[in-house]
Amino acid sequence: MIAVFRGRRRRLLALLVLGAAVQAGLAAGFAFCLQGLFDALHTGDQGFAGQQLRVTGAVVAVLLALGIEVAQRRLAEGLGLDYTAELRSALFSRLLAVAPQEVAARRHGALLLPFVGDLAATRQWVSDGLARCVAAAAGSTTILAILAVRNLQVALALLAILLPVVGIVWLLARPLDRAVRRVRRRRGRLSAFVSGRLAAIATIAALGRRRTELRKLNRRTDALTRVALQRAWIVGVIRGVVQACTMLLVLAALLAGLAQVQAGALSAGAVVGAMSLVALLGNGVWDLGRALELWVPGRVAAQRIDALLQLPKAPRRTHVPGAARPQAGLLISHVSVPQLFRTDTLQAVPGDVVLVTGASRSGKSTLLRILAGLAEPEHGTVRLDGQNLPRPGTRAARRLVGYAAPHLHLLPGSLAMNLRYRMPTASDEEVSSLLQDLGMAEFVARCKRGLRYQIRGADPAFATGDYQGLLIARAMLGAPPLLLLDSVDSHLPAAVLLRLAARIRAYPGIVILAASRPELLAVANQVWRIDAGQVQRSDDPARTAGMVLALVPGRGGNGNQ
């Protein structure tokens, strides 16, 4: 887990501690002025100048304490925001570096929760809990030291109240931890239920199950309410103990002070001044109790964040020293995926168009994901131009591989941003030329604001064929040496399909595709067929033609995996 106090945050912590100590000093000054005023009134001292000076000192102490409190709040919030910003960046970077299949195996909500609920709980603990705790500890220690110097008996009486209360509150931390975890589990189950049912809302309505699902929701809500109330009881006990402690501190200071007054060791004004310090000490005790309330959920959230930060990064693909450098092109050597397929040696060179065929769920999409670097085979190697494929997400990977597949969605943002997402440096002329060649220029022209059209989530304004065309255009921009097209042709408009086939036929690099439309199947000069767990290669024109005909809709399968 990233350390809270490092770099800039250490300076913020030092300022918080300094501010708390200064506040305690100002409180001592205020108490001194108050003592002088009370003693002067009690003894009948009419010295106007002295009283005016004491009043002025008390007012200045109050105003300075007010300003420091405002600054303390700003420092504490800055501390929490700075820490969560670093955590958010580290989390996002880690997830981008993790193997894509590892991320895909996790629920979307489980990955989103740390960025929303867990980071919010962590920020609140750091800015509103940890900062309060540090400041309260520094301020309370300073106040107790001041009281001990002025009168040790009063300080000991206060300490006799504080120590048992701190022990009681600490003992309540464990049941509070259990209650917080139960609430999180129940809230997660409720959120998952609502998310799943909203996704299937049409089914629920069509089959008349609204009341049944509402009863299920109410049962989960009641379960959440029960555990939330249990947590509320524990929090209430903590606050009650802290509140009682504040009252007992006042009583202890008053009784000890009066005893000292009767013994002649203190003046009545000194007791009044000490009571003002006790009030500030009570605020510190309240802050410590509040810090415990926030520490428990903050710790649980930190554990969840740390678990994601510990996810292993995707292995780097590096060149094997001493390996023979084959001719330019793609070389697949003895790749195997358990229960799907295995290969011997497969090769393709620039200008080749390879059609990947096979029965439904035979592993066509898995093979393309391996070539894109988004999945790792159990055994074997994949090299492009003599080098292992670079790790996905790197600049080298973007430059070498263009990949279009149904699961690689467009992102919220402009059409231009989406088309350039793999090649951000592509010029306007390149984008326009590619759209024109693919027959997508008319579609873009129909969009409001053209390439500046904003996509917001799953855009219903796009027909499936237009959406597929955009995915293909994004993959082809910049003519990457290896172009992978995985089942993104099923709904392409006829005009786009014909232009795409012509462009693939003249493509300077290697094209590997899983497709169903005859226009694309006929472009292939090589076929890799997955049959009975083995990838078999054919570049015989007659055999290729036969396979193409077998895959025409109505003549064969088109499943993916």
Foldseek 3Di string as FASTA:
>chain_A
DDDLDDDPLVVLLVLLLVLLLVLLVLLLLLLVLQLVLVVCVVVVPPPPVSNVVSVVSNVVSVVVNVVSVVVLLVSLLVSLVVVLVVLVVLLVVLVVQAQLVVVVVDDPCLSCCLVPVLSVLQSCLRRQFVSLLSSLVSNLVSLLVVVCVLPVQLSVLLVVLPPVLVVVLVVLLVVLLVLLVQLVVLVVVLVVLVVVCVVVVVVCVVVVPVVVSVVVSVVSVVSNVVSVVVSVVSLVVLQVSLVVSLVSSLVSLQVSVVVCVVVVNDPPSSSVSSSSSSNSNSVSSNSNSVSSSSVSSNVVSVVSSVVSSPRDGDDWFWADPPDDFDAAWKWWDFFAAPPAATEHIDTDWFLAEEEEAEFAPNAPVVVLCVVLQSDGTPDTFMDGRRGGAGHPPDLSSLQAFFEFDPVPAFDWFFQLCRLCVSPVPDDPVLLCVLCVLLVNQVVQVPAVVRRRRTDDPPDPVDDLQSRLVSSQSSRCRNLHQEYEEEASHPPHDPSSLQSVLVCSNVRRHYYYYHYQALSNLLSGQKYFYRDPRYTDIDRPVVVSVVVSVCRHVVRGHRHHD
